[in-house]
Amino acid sequence: MPGDDQPFERHIFGTDGVRGQSNSGALTPDGVLRLGLAAGKVFQRGDHRHRVVIGKDTRLSGYMIEPALTAGFIAAGMDVILLGPVPTPAMAMLTRSMRADIGVMVSASHNPYQDNGIKFFGPDGYKLSDETEAQIERIMEEGTEDVLAEPADLGRAKRIEDAGARYIEFAKATLPRTLSLEGIRVVLDCANGAGYKVAPTVLWELGADVKTIGVSPDGFNINRGVGSTAPKKLQDAVLEYRADIGIALDGDADRVIISDEKGRIVDGDQILATIAAAMKRTGRLRGDGIVSTVMANMGLERFLARHKLGLTRTKVGDRYVVEAMRESGMNVGGEPSGHVILSDYATTGDGLVTALQVLGLVREEDAPVSRVCHRFDPYPSLLKNVRYKGGDPLEADSVKDAIEKANETLGERGRTVIRKSGTEPLIRVMAEADDEALVKRVVRDICAAVEKAS
């Protein structure tokens, strides 16, 4: 064990909570129970009755992880409120509104059903810091026997049935009461995930004509050929139904990808540019810029510069974006993947609320999505994933040399971003520049070096 003066290296938590294959590693019933015990210990502050809220998405393993977490928190002396299937942003919102000490979302986001994950939120609705996650993990490593509550101090569990309805009202309230979506035809893809009930209801109640995809979860089909990471079905449906817009959420509905009326994808960078420009025009944008990650396209950065706005880049992960937003006082941030954080409304990415803001602009400008949401021409970019079995390929001299050569080749014309995935054994290799052929060659050479070193 490291001493108190030494940094604690996390092994269970990644870039977005705990994630992996269900029923293995930290995501066995025993591992999840101990995780609940440890988190319960960390968040029992003060002498009040402590409370945790737990939500989940629609994957099969949620039926295993939810009760294991519940047992851990109850054994630690915390009361548990079970929300059932709800979007991650709904869970974060309800953590605050229900005055809970901690919120937990059981979801692996855009991953397939075999995976699952556990995301923690503090009482303020924000994701935990690295330090707090390390504190939880340290307790698990040291042992949770001392965490167990006395028999008289055990917690209780209660399931509430109106969590979705509360979130529906919250989401609708992010648009002016006078704004109606009547006459707008929407194709909505819920990825067979956590937003499958609430998202169609919100759009319908606001007056939109809604055609749905991915609203029949069976525990296995979450993100399978649908959702924000597989938008082809959405694009085809937009053209088939002559829709004005297509909206694709991911498995836990904290990210969104949009299709315009021509079936063309509008990614997170374009969404950020669209919302930032509109908020600056109306005086609502704070901090003279926005926050995104190292993956944000250079085209976004140039667009913002033309509008005298800055781009603050962080490492990949929406919680790092949120941290930078809070430090700088900015109220818009996000990632190209469609995580968009609008802190005037939410403490985390909210795919539905983001889509509503875009719809509000479409209605306000009385223009097609292709015009409203196409703010810049992105630099040619290519991202490839290289799976590795062990070790750290990025430490190999051959890989370092390949990356250095690529950066020298690109010069000021472009850039590379090479990093480990925080959730899977993958090396993510990305390059962008003003020359597509050059981008392809650079990515190919780096990937070849990583594969050889793996």
Protein backbone atom coordinates (compact mmCIF):
# COMPACT_ATOMS: atom_id res chain seq x y z
CA MET A 1 0.00 0.00 0.00
CA PRO A 2 1.30 3.49 -0.76
CA GLY A 3 1.76 5.83 2.15
CA ASP A 4 -0.53 8.78 2.79
CA ASP A 5 2.05 11.07 1.19
CA GLN A 6 2.17 9.05 -2.02
CA PRO A 7 -0.36 9.26 -4.87
CA PHE A 8 -2.77 6.33 -5.02
CA GLU A 9 -2.90 4.66 -8.40
CA ARG A 10 -6.45 3.82 -9.45
CA HIS A 11 -7.10 0.44 -11.03
CA ILE A 12 -10.90 0.15 -10.93
CA PHE A 13 -11.98 3.64 -12.01
CA GLY A 14 -11.37 4.83 -15.57
CA THR A 15 -12.20 8.03 -17.41
CA ASP A 16 -15.92 7.66 -16.71
CA GLY A 17 -16.39 5.71 -13.50
CA VAL A 18 -16.06 1.93 -13.40
CA ARG A 19 -16.58 0.08 -16.65
CA GLY A 20 -15.91 -3.37 -18.05
CA GLN A 21 -17.48 -6.68 -18.95
CA SER A 22 -20.36 -7.50 -16.64
CA ASN A 23 -19.91 -10.32 -14.12
CA SER A 24 -16.13 -10.08 -14.30
CA GLY A 25 -13.41 -7.96 -12.71
CA ALA A 26 -14.88 -5.26 -10.49
CA LEU A 27 -18.37 -5.86 -11.91
CA THR A 28 -19.12 -9.15 -10.13
CA PRO A 29 -21.79 -9.11 -7.41
CA ASP A 30 -19.07 -9.22 -4.74
CA GLY A 31 -17.04 -6.44 -6.37
CA VAL A 32 -20.08 -4.22 -6.82
CA LEU A 33 -21.22 -4.80 -3.23
CA ARG A 34 -17.78 -3.77 -1.92
CA LEU A 35 -17.87 -0.73 -4.20
CA GLY A 36 -21.19 0.28 -2.65
CA LEU A 37 -19.80 -0.21 0.85
CA ALA A 38 -16.74 1.90 0.12
CA ALA A 39 -18.70 4.70 -1.56
CA GLY A 40 -21.17 4.64 1.32
CA LYS A 41 -18.30 5.16 3.74
CA VAL A 42 -16.90 8.12 1.79
CA PHE A 43 -20.23 9.92 1.47
CA GLN A 44 -21.51 9.51 5.03
CA ARG A 45 -20.73 13.01 6.20
CA GLY A 46 -22.63 14.64 9.05
CA ASP A 47 -25.14 13.10 11.44
CA HIS A 48 -28.23 13.15 9.20
CA ARG A 49 -29.86 10.10 7.65
CA HIS A 50 -27.83 9.43 4.50
CA ARG A 51 -29.41 8.77 1.14
CA VAL A 52 -28.27 7.43 -2.26
CA VAL A 53 -30.25 7.37 -5.51
CA ILE A 54 -29.56 4.66 -8.10
CA GLY A 55 -30.59 4.70 -11.76
CA LYS A 56 -29.75 2.34 -14.60
CA ASP A 57 -30.04 1.80 -18.32
CA THR A 58 -31.71 -1.16 -20.03
CA ARG A 59 -28.93 -3.77 -20.29
CA LEU A 60 -29.50 -7.21 -18.77
CA SER A 61 -26.71 -7.01 -16.20
CA GLY A 62 -28.40 -4.05 -14.54
CA TYR A 63 -30.66 -6.57 -12.83
CA MET A 64 -27.54 -7.96 -11.11
CA ILE A 65 -25.61 -4.76 -10.42
CA GLU A 66 -28.50 -2.70 -9.04
CA PRO A 67 -29.30 -5.07 -6.13
CA ALA A 68 -25.60 -5.65 -5.38
CA LEU A 69 -25.06 -1.89 -5.07
CA THR A 70 -28.22 -1.61 -3.00
CA ALA A 71 -26.95 -4.26 -0.59
CA GLY A 72 -23.61 -2.50 -0.25
CA PHE A 73 -25.12 0.89 0.52
CA ILE A 74 -27.68 -0.55 2.93
CA ALA A 75 -24.93 -2.49 4.72
CA ALA A 76 -23.00 0.78 5.04
CA GLY A 77 -26.03 2.39 6.69
CA MET A 78 -27.41 4.41 3.78
CA ASP A 79 -31.01 4.56 2.56
CA VAL A 80 -31.41 3.71 -1.13
CA ILE A 81 -33.88 5.21 -3.59
CA LEU A 82 -34.22 3.16 -6.79
CA LEU A 83 -35.18 5.10 -9.91
CA GLY A 84 -35.23 2.27 -12.47
CA PRO A 85 -34.30 2.97 -16.11
CA VAL A 86 -33.59 6.70 -16.48
CA PRO A 87 -31.09 8.76 -18.50
CA THR A 88 -27.82 9.64 -16.80
CA PRO A 89 -28.70 13.38 -16.77
CA ALA A 90 -32.00 12.57 -15.08
CA MET A 91 -30.13 10.68 -12.39
CA ALA A 92 -27.74 13.60 -11.86
CA MET A 93 -30.65 16.04 -11.67
CA LEU A 94 -32.57 13.88 -9.21
CA THR A 95 -29.51 13.45 -7.00
CA ARG A 96 -29.66 17.18 -6.37
CA SER A 97 -33.43 17.61 -6.23
CA MET A 98 -33.86 14.71 -3.78
CA ARG A 99 -31.08 16.03 -1.53
CA ALA A 100 -29.16 12.78 -1.82
CA ASP A 101 -25.62 12.37 -0.56
CA ILE A 102 -24.60 10.43 -3.66
CA GLY A 103 -26.06 9.37 -7.00
CA VAL A 104 -25.15 6.26 -8.95
CA MET A 105 -25.86 5.45 -12.59
CA VAL A 106 -25.50 1.85 -13.74
CA SER A 107 -24.60 2.12 -17.41
CA ALA A 108 -21.85 1.46 -19.93
CA SER A 109 -23.10 4.32 -22.10
CA HIS A 110 -22.48 3.49 -25.79
CA ASN A 111 -20.88 0.07 -25.15
CA PRO A 112 -22.62 -3.22 -26.09
CA TYR A 113 -24.86 -5.07 -23.66
CA GLN A 114 -22.07 -7.37 -22.45
CA ASP A 115 -20.43 -4.40 -20.73
CA ASN A 116 -21.69 -2.33 -17.88
CA GLY A 117 -20.45 0.47 -15.72
CA ILE A 118 -21.04 2.49 -12.58
CA LYS A 119 -20.90 6.29 -12.60
CA PHE A 120 -20.94 8.22 -9.34
CA PHE A 121 -22.26 11.73 -8.78
CA GLY A 122 -21.76 13.86 -5.70
CA PRO A 123 -24.60 15.66 -3.89
CA ASP A 124 -24.12 18.63 -6.22
CA GLY A 125 -24.89 16.44 -9.27
CA TYR A 126 -21.34 16.55 -10.61
CA LYS A 127 -19.19 13.53 -11.34
CA LEU A 128 -16.55 12.69 -8.76
CA SER A 129 -13.00 13.98 -8.89
CA ASP A 130 -10.05 11.66 -9.40
CA GLU A 131 -9.19 12.16 -5.73
CA THR A 132 -12.59 11.04 -4.49
CA GLU A 133 -12.56 8.00 -6.77
CA ALA A 134 -9.11 7.11 -5.43
CA GLN A 135 -10.46 7.43 -1.89
CA ILE A 136 -13.22 4.92 -2.66
CA GLU A 137 -10.78 2.55 -4.28
CA ARG A 138 -8.37 2.80 -1.36
CA ILE A 139 -11.10 1.74 1.07
CA MET A 140 -11.89 -1.26 -1.14
CA GLU A 141 -8.23 -2.27 -1.13
CA GLU A 142 -7.81 -1.85 2.61
CA GLY A 143 -10.97 -3.86 3.31
CA THR A 144 -14.59 -2.94 3.96
CA GLU A 145 -15.15 -4.84 7.22
CA ASP A 146 -14.97 -1.63 9.29
CA VAL A 147 -17.58 -0.02 7.04
CA LEU A 148 -20.39 -2.37 8.02
CA ALA A 149 -23.17 -0.68 10.00
CA GLU A 150 -24.63 -2.03 13.23
CA PRO A 151 -27.89 -3.99 12.78
CA ALA A 152 -29.97 -1.08 14.05
CA ASP A 153 -28.26 1.32 11.65
CA LEU A 154 -28.84 -0.57 8.40
CA GLY A 155 -30.38 1.43 5.57
CA ARG A 156 -33.69 0.90 3.82
CA ALA A 157 -34.58 0.72 0.13
CA LYS A 158 -37.48 2.35 -1.68
CA ARG A 159 -38.39 2.43 -5.37
CA ILE A 160 -40.05 5.54 -6.81
CA GLU A 161 -42.21 5.32 -9.91
CA ASP A 162 -42.25 8.91 -11.15
CA ALA A 163 -38.55 9.55 -11.79
CA GLY A 164 -39.16 9.69 -15.55
CA ALA A 165 -42.04 12.13 -15.16
CA ARG A 166 -39.91 14.46 -13.06
CA TYR A 167 -37.21 14.49 -15.73
CA ILE A 168 -39.74 15.06 -18.51
CA GLU A 169 -40.93 18.26 -16.84
CA PHE A 170 -37.35 19.38 -16.24
CA ALA A 171 -36.39 18.83 -19.90
CA LYS A 172 -39.41 20.69 -21.27
CA ALA A 173 -38.68 23.63 -18.97
CA THR A 174 -35.35 24.26 -20.76
CA LEU A 175 -37.34 25.74 -23.66
CA PRO A 176 -39.54 28.86 -23.37
CA ARG A 177 -43.18 28.04 -22.60
CA THR A 178 -44.22 29.94 -25.71
CA LEU A 179 -42.10 27.79 -28.03
CA SER A 180 -43.88 24.92 -29.76
CA LEU A 181 -42.38 22.22 -31.96
CA GLU A 182 -45.64 21.78 -33.83
CA GLY A 183 -45.04 21.10 -37.52
CA ILE A 184 -41.50 19.78 -37.03
CA ARG A 185 -41.08 16.16 -38.08
CA VAL A 186 -38.50 14.34 -35.94
CA VAL A 187 -36.94 10.90 -36.22
CA LEU A 188 -35.76 9.93 -32.73
CA ASP A 189 -33.36 7.03 -32.08
CA CYS A 190 -33.14 6.09 -28.40
CA ALA A 191 -30.57 3.28 -28.87
CA ASN A 192 -32.87 0.86 -27.01
CA GLY A 193 -31.44 2.57 -23.97
CA ALA A 194 -32.35 4.61 -20.94
CA GLY A 195 -34.14 7.38 -22.85
CA TYR A 196 -36.59 5.08 -24.63
CA LYS A 197 -39.62 6.29 -22.65
CA VAL A 198 -38.88 9.85 -21.63
CA ALA A 199 -37.38 11.26 -24.84
CA PRO A 200 -40.32 10.49 -27.17
CA THR A 201 -42.72 11.81 -24.53
CA VAL A 202 -40.89 15.14 -24.20
CA LEU A 203 -40.87 15.74 -27.96
CA TRP A 204 -44.52 14.70 -28.35
CA GLU A 205 -45.66 16.93 -25.48
CA LEU A 206 -43.83 19.86 -27.09
CA GLY A 207 -45.82 19.31 -30.27
CA ALA A 208 -43.37 17.53 -32.56
CA ASP A 209 -44.39 14.81 -35.00
CA VAL A 210 -42.18 11.96 -33.76
CA LYS A 211 -41.08 8.77 -35.52
CA THR A 212 -39.16 6.51 -33.13
CA ILE A 213 -36.31 4.01 -33.54
CA GLY A 214 -34.65 1.97 -30.81
CA VAL A 215 -37.45 2.10 -28.26
CA SER A 216 -37.88 -1.65 -27.68
CA PRO A 217 -35.14 -2.69 -25.24
CA ASP A 218 -34.83 -6.38 -24.40
CA GLY A 219 -31.68 -6.32 -22.29
CA PHE A 220 -29.46 -7.34 -25.20
CA ASN A 221 -30.08 -4.82 -28.00
CA ILE A 222 -28.88 -1.59 -26.36
CA ASN A 223 -26.71 0.31 -28.91
CA ARG A 224 -26.92 -2.63 -31.36
CA GLY A 225 -27.03 -1.01 -34.80
CA VAL A 226 -28.77 2.04 -33.37
CA GLY A 227 -27.96 5.13 -31.35
CA SER A 228 -25.39 7.88 -31.61
CA THR A 229 -22.52 5.52 -32.45
CA ALA A 230 -24.47 3.81 -35.27
CA PRO A 231 -26.50 6.58 -36.94
CA LYS A 232 -27.01 4.95 -40.36
CA LYS A 233 -30.52 3.77 -39.52
CA LEU A 234 -31.37 7.27 -38.32
CA GLN A 235 -30.06 8.87 -41.51
CA ASP A 236 -32.03 6.47 -43.69
CA ALA A 237 -35.22 7.08 -41.70
CA VAL A 238 -34.84 10.85 -42.00
CA LEU A 239 -34.79 10.53 -45.77
CA GLU A 240 -37.57 7.92 -45.87
CA TYR A 241 -39.97 9.95 -43.73
CA ARG A 242 -38.83 13.32 -45.11
CA ALA A 243 -38.13 14.44 -41.58
CA ASP A 244 -36.82 17.86 -40.64
CA ILE A 245 -34.28 16.44 -38.20
CA GLY A 246 -32.96 13.18 -36.83
CA ILE A 247 -31.88 12.80 -33.19
CA ALA A 248 -29.81 9.85 -31.97
CA LEU A 249 -29.11 9.34 -28.27
CA ASP A 250 -26.69 6.82 -26.80
CA GLY A 251 -27.43 4.06 -24.28
CA ASP A 252 -27.72 6.35 -21.27
CA ALA A 253 -28.87 9.44 -23.21
CA ASP A 254 -26.09 11.75 -22.10
CA ARG A 255 -24.88 12.32 -25.68
CA VAL A 256 -26.57 13.13 -28.97
CA ILE A 257 -25.76 13.05 -32.67
CA ILE A 258 -28.05 14.85 -35.12
CA SER A 259 -28.93 14.24 -38.75
CA ASP A 260 -30.03 17.16 -40.88
CA GLU A 261 -32.94 16.92 -43.32
CA LYS A 262 -30.54 15.70 -46.03
CA GLY A 263 -29.38 12.76 -43.93
CA ARG A 264 -26.01 14.32 -43.14
CA ILE A 265 -24.51 13.95 -39.68
CA VAL A 266 -24.13 16.92 -37.35
CA ASP A 267 -21.56 15.92 -34.73
CA GLY A 268 -20.75 17.38 -31.33
CA ASP A 269 -18.34 19.97 -32.74
CA GLN A 270 -20.99 21.44 -35.05
CA ILE A 271 -23.55 21.36 -32.23
CA LEU A 272 -21.16 23.23 -29.94
CA ALA A 273 -20.47 25.83 -32.62
CA THR A 274 -24.19 26.29 -33.27
CA ILE A 275 -25.15 26.72 -29.62
CA ALA A 276 -22.13 28.87 -28.73
CA ALA A 277 -22.77 31.28 -31.61
CA ALA A 278 -26.44 31.61 -30.68
CA MET A 279 -25.70 32.15 -27.00
CA LYS A 280 -23.08 34.78 -27.78
CA ARG A 281 -25.56 36.58 -30.02
CA THR A 282 -28.09 36.74 -27.17
CA GLY A 283 -25.53 37.58 -24.48
CA ARG A 284 -25.88 34.29 -22.62
CA LEU A 285 -22.43 32.83 -23.34
CA ARG A 286 -20.10 33.20 -20.38
CA GLY A 287 -16.33 33.17 -20.31
CA ASP A 288 -15.63 34.31 -23.90
CA GLY A 289 -15.36 30.77 -25.19
CA ILE A 290 -16.18 27.13 -24.71
CA VAL A 291 -14.47 23.99 -23.42
CA SER A 292 -13.83 20.83 -25.41
CA THR A 293 -11.22 18.09 -25.48
CA VAL A 294 -8.06 17.41 -27.43
CA MET A 295 -10.30 15.58 -29.93
CA ALA A 296 -12.17 18.72 -31.01
CA ASN A 297 -11.69 19.47 -34.70
CA MET A 298 -9.38 22.31 -35.69
CA GLY A 299 -12.24 23.66 -37.79
CA LEU A 300 -14.19 24.34 -34.58
CA GLU A 301 -11.23 26.20 -33.12
CA ARG A 302 -10.91 28.39 -36.23
CA PHE A 303 -14.67 29.06 -36.26
CA LEU A 304 -14.59 30.22 -32.65
CA ALA A 305 -11.56 32.43 -33.32
CA ARG A 306 -13.46 34.18 -36.13
CA HIS A 307 -16.15 34.98 -33.57
CA LYS A 308 -13.53 36.18 -31.05
CA LEU A 309 -14.15 33.17 -28.85
CA GLY A 310 -11.58 30.85 -27.33
CA LEU A 311 -11.40 27.06 -27.12
CA THR A 312 -10.07 25.50 -23.94
CA ARG A 313 -8.98 21.90 -24.52
CA THR A 314 -8.93 19.18 -21.88
CA LYS A 315 -8.08 15.50 -21.87
CA VAL A 316 -10.81 13.18 -23.11
CA GLY A 317 -13.75 12.68 -20.78
CA ASP A 318 -16.80 14.85 -20.20
CA ARG A 319 -16.05 15.20 -16.50
CA TYR A 320 -12.75 16.91 -17.36
CA VAL A 321 -14.69 19.26 -19.61
CA VAL A 322 -17.04 20.03 -16.72
CA GLU A 323 -14.14 20.63 -14.34
CA ALA A 324 -12.60 23.14 -16.77
CA MET A 325 -15.97 24.84 -17.25
CA ARG A 326 -16.39 25.27 -13.50
CA GLU A 327 -12.86 26.60 -13.09
CA SER A 328 -13.21 29.12 -15.94
CA GLY A 329 -16.84 30.11 -15.45
CA MET A 330 -17.80 28.97 -18.95
CA ASN A 331 -21.29 27.56 -19.48
CA VAL A 332 -20.86 25.61 -22.73
CA GLY A 333 -18.62 22.61 -23.29
CA GLY A 334 -18.57 19.17 -24.81
CA GLU A 335 -16.97 16.57 -27.03
CA PRO A 336 -17.17 15.64 -30.73
CA SER A 337 -18.93 12.42 -29.70
CA GLY A 338 -22.00 14.44 -28.74
CA HIS A 339 -21.50 14.95 -25.04
CA VAL A 340 -22.63 18.56 -24.71
CA ILE A 341 -22.73 20.21 -21.30
CA LEU A 342 -24.92 23.27 -20.92
CA SER A 343 -24.35 24.23 -17.31
CA ASP A 344 -27.26 26.67 -17.32
CA TYR A 345 -29.43 23.56 -17.29
CA ALA A 346 -27.45 20.49 -16.23
CA THR A 347 -24.34 19.28 -14.44
CA THR A 348 -23.50 16.63 -17.02
CA GLY A 349 -24.05 15.90 -20.70
CA ASP A 350 -27.72 15.72 -21.63
CA GLY A 351 -28.50 14.48 -25.13
CA LEU A 352 -32.19 15.34 -25.03
CA VAL A 353 -31.77 18.85 -23.61
CA THR A 354 -29.05 19.54 -26.19
CA ALA A 355 -31.36 18.39 -28.98
CA LEU A 356 -34.11 20.62 -27.62
CA GLN A 357 -31.82 23.65 -27.76
CA VAL A 358 -31.03 22.87 -31.41
CA LEU A 359 -34.73 22.46 -32.16
CA GLY A 360 -35.38 25.79 -30.48
CA LEU A 361 -32.88 27.46 -32.81
CA VAL A 362 -34.40 25.74 -35.85
CA ARG A 363 -37.78 27.12 -34.86
CA GLU A 364 -36.41 30.56 -33.99
CA GLU A 365 -34.41 30.94 -37.22
CA ASP A 366 -37.14 29.30 -39.33
CA ALA A 367 -34.44 27.58 -41.35
CA PRO A 368 -33.55 23.96 -42.14
CA VAL A 369 -31.16 22.07 -39.88
CA SER A 370 -28.59 21.92 -42.70
CA ARG A 371 -28.32 25.70 -42.56
CA VAL A 372 -28.69 26.20 -38.80
CA CYS A 373 -26.15 23.56 -37.79
CA HIS A 374 -23.48 23.77 -40.48
CA ARG A 375 -21.18 26.39 -39.00
CA PHE A 376 -17.77 25.39 -40.39
CA ASP A 377 -16.07 22.96 -42.71
CA PRO A 378 -14.20 20.47 -40.54
CA TYR A 379 -10.60 19.60 -41.21
CA PRO A 380 -10.22 16.09 -42.66
CA SER A 381 -9.84 13.82 -39.65
CA LEU A 382 -9.38 10.10 -39.09
CA LEU A 383 -9.62 8.08 -35.89
CA LYS A 384 -8.63 4.42 -35.69
CA ASN A 385 -8.52 2.07 -32.72
CA VAL A 386 -5.78 -0.50 -32.24
CA ARG A 387 -6.50 -3.26 -29.71
CA TYR A 388 -3.59 -4.45 -27.58
CA LYS A 389 -3.19 -7.43 -25.26
CA GLY A 390 -0.87 -6.16 -22.56
CA GLY A 391 1.89 -3.76 -21.62
CA ASP A 392 1.96 -0.21 -22.90
CA PRO A 393 2.59 0.09 -26.65
CA LEU A 394 2.91 3.86 -26.31
CA GLU A 395 6.13 3.37 -24.33
CA ALA A 396 7.82 1.48 -27.20
CA ASP A 397 10.59 3.46 -28.90
CA SER A 398 9.29 2.45 -32.33
CA VAL A 399 5.87 3.94 -31.54
CA LYS A 400 7.38 7.12 -30.12
CA ASP A 401 9.49 7.49 -33.25
CA ALA A 402 6.44 6.99 -35.49
CA ILE A 403 4.49 9.66 -33.60
CA GLU A 404 7.38 12.11 -33.71
CA LYS A 405 7.81 11.58 -37.45
CA ALA A 406 4.08 12.10 -38.00
CA ASN A 407 4.07 15.37 -36.10
CA GLU A 408 7.07 16.60 -38.06
CA THR A 409 5.29 15.69 -41.31
CA LEU A 410 2.12 17.54 -40.34
CA GLY A 411 3.82 20.62 -38.95
CA GLU A 412 1.40 23.51 -38.60
CA ARG A 413 -0.97 21.96 -41.12
CA GLY A 414 -2.42 19.54 -38.59
CA ARG A 415 -1.97 17.53 -35.44
CA THR A 416 -2.15 14.06 -33.90
CA VAL A 417 -3.78 12.79 -30.73
CA ILE A 418 -2.71 9.33 -29.60
CA ARG A 419 -4.06 8.01 -26.33
CA LYS A 420 -5.19 4.96 -24.42
CA SER A 421 -8.90 4.36 -24.08
CA GLY A 422 -10.07 4.76 -20.51
CA THR A 423 -12.66 2.00 -20.85
CA GLU A 424 -11.20 -0.63 -23.24
CA PRO A 425 -7.74 -2.06 -24.12
CA LEU A 426 -7.43 0.21 -27.15
CA ILE A 427 -4.97 2.75 -28.42
CA ARG A 428 -6.87 5.52 -30.15
CA VAL A 429 -4.94 7.10 -33.02
CA MET A 430 -6.31 10.35 -34.42
CA ALA A 431 -4.88 12.82 -36.92
CA GLU A 432 -6.32 15.81 -38.72
CA ALA A 433 -4.94 18.24 -41.27
CA ASP A 434 -5.89 20.21 -44.36
CA ASP A 435 -4.92 17.25 -46.59
CA GLU A 436 -7.02 14.06 -46.33
CA ALA A 437 -4.42 11.85 -48.04
CA LEU A 438 -1.79 13.05 -45.60
CA VAL A 439 -4.07 12.28 -42.65
CA LYS A 440 -4.66 8.73 -43.85
CA ARG A 441 -0.95 8.11 -44.33
CA VAL A 442 -0.03 9.44 -40.90
CA VAL A 443 -2.70 7.37 -39.11
CA ARG A 444 -1.74 4.26 -41.08
CA ASP A 445 1.92 4.56 -40.12
CA ILE A 446 1.23 5.11 -36.42
CA CYS A 447 -1.29 2.26 -36.25
CA ALA A 448 1.22 -0.07 -37.91
CA ALA A 449 3.84 0.83 -35.31
CA VAL A 450 1.37 0.27 -32.44
CA GLU A 451 0.26 -3.11 -33.83
CA LYS A 452 3.88 -4.25 -34.19
CA ALA A 453 4.66 -3.21 -30.61
CA SER A 454 1.56 -4.82 -29.10
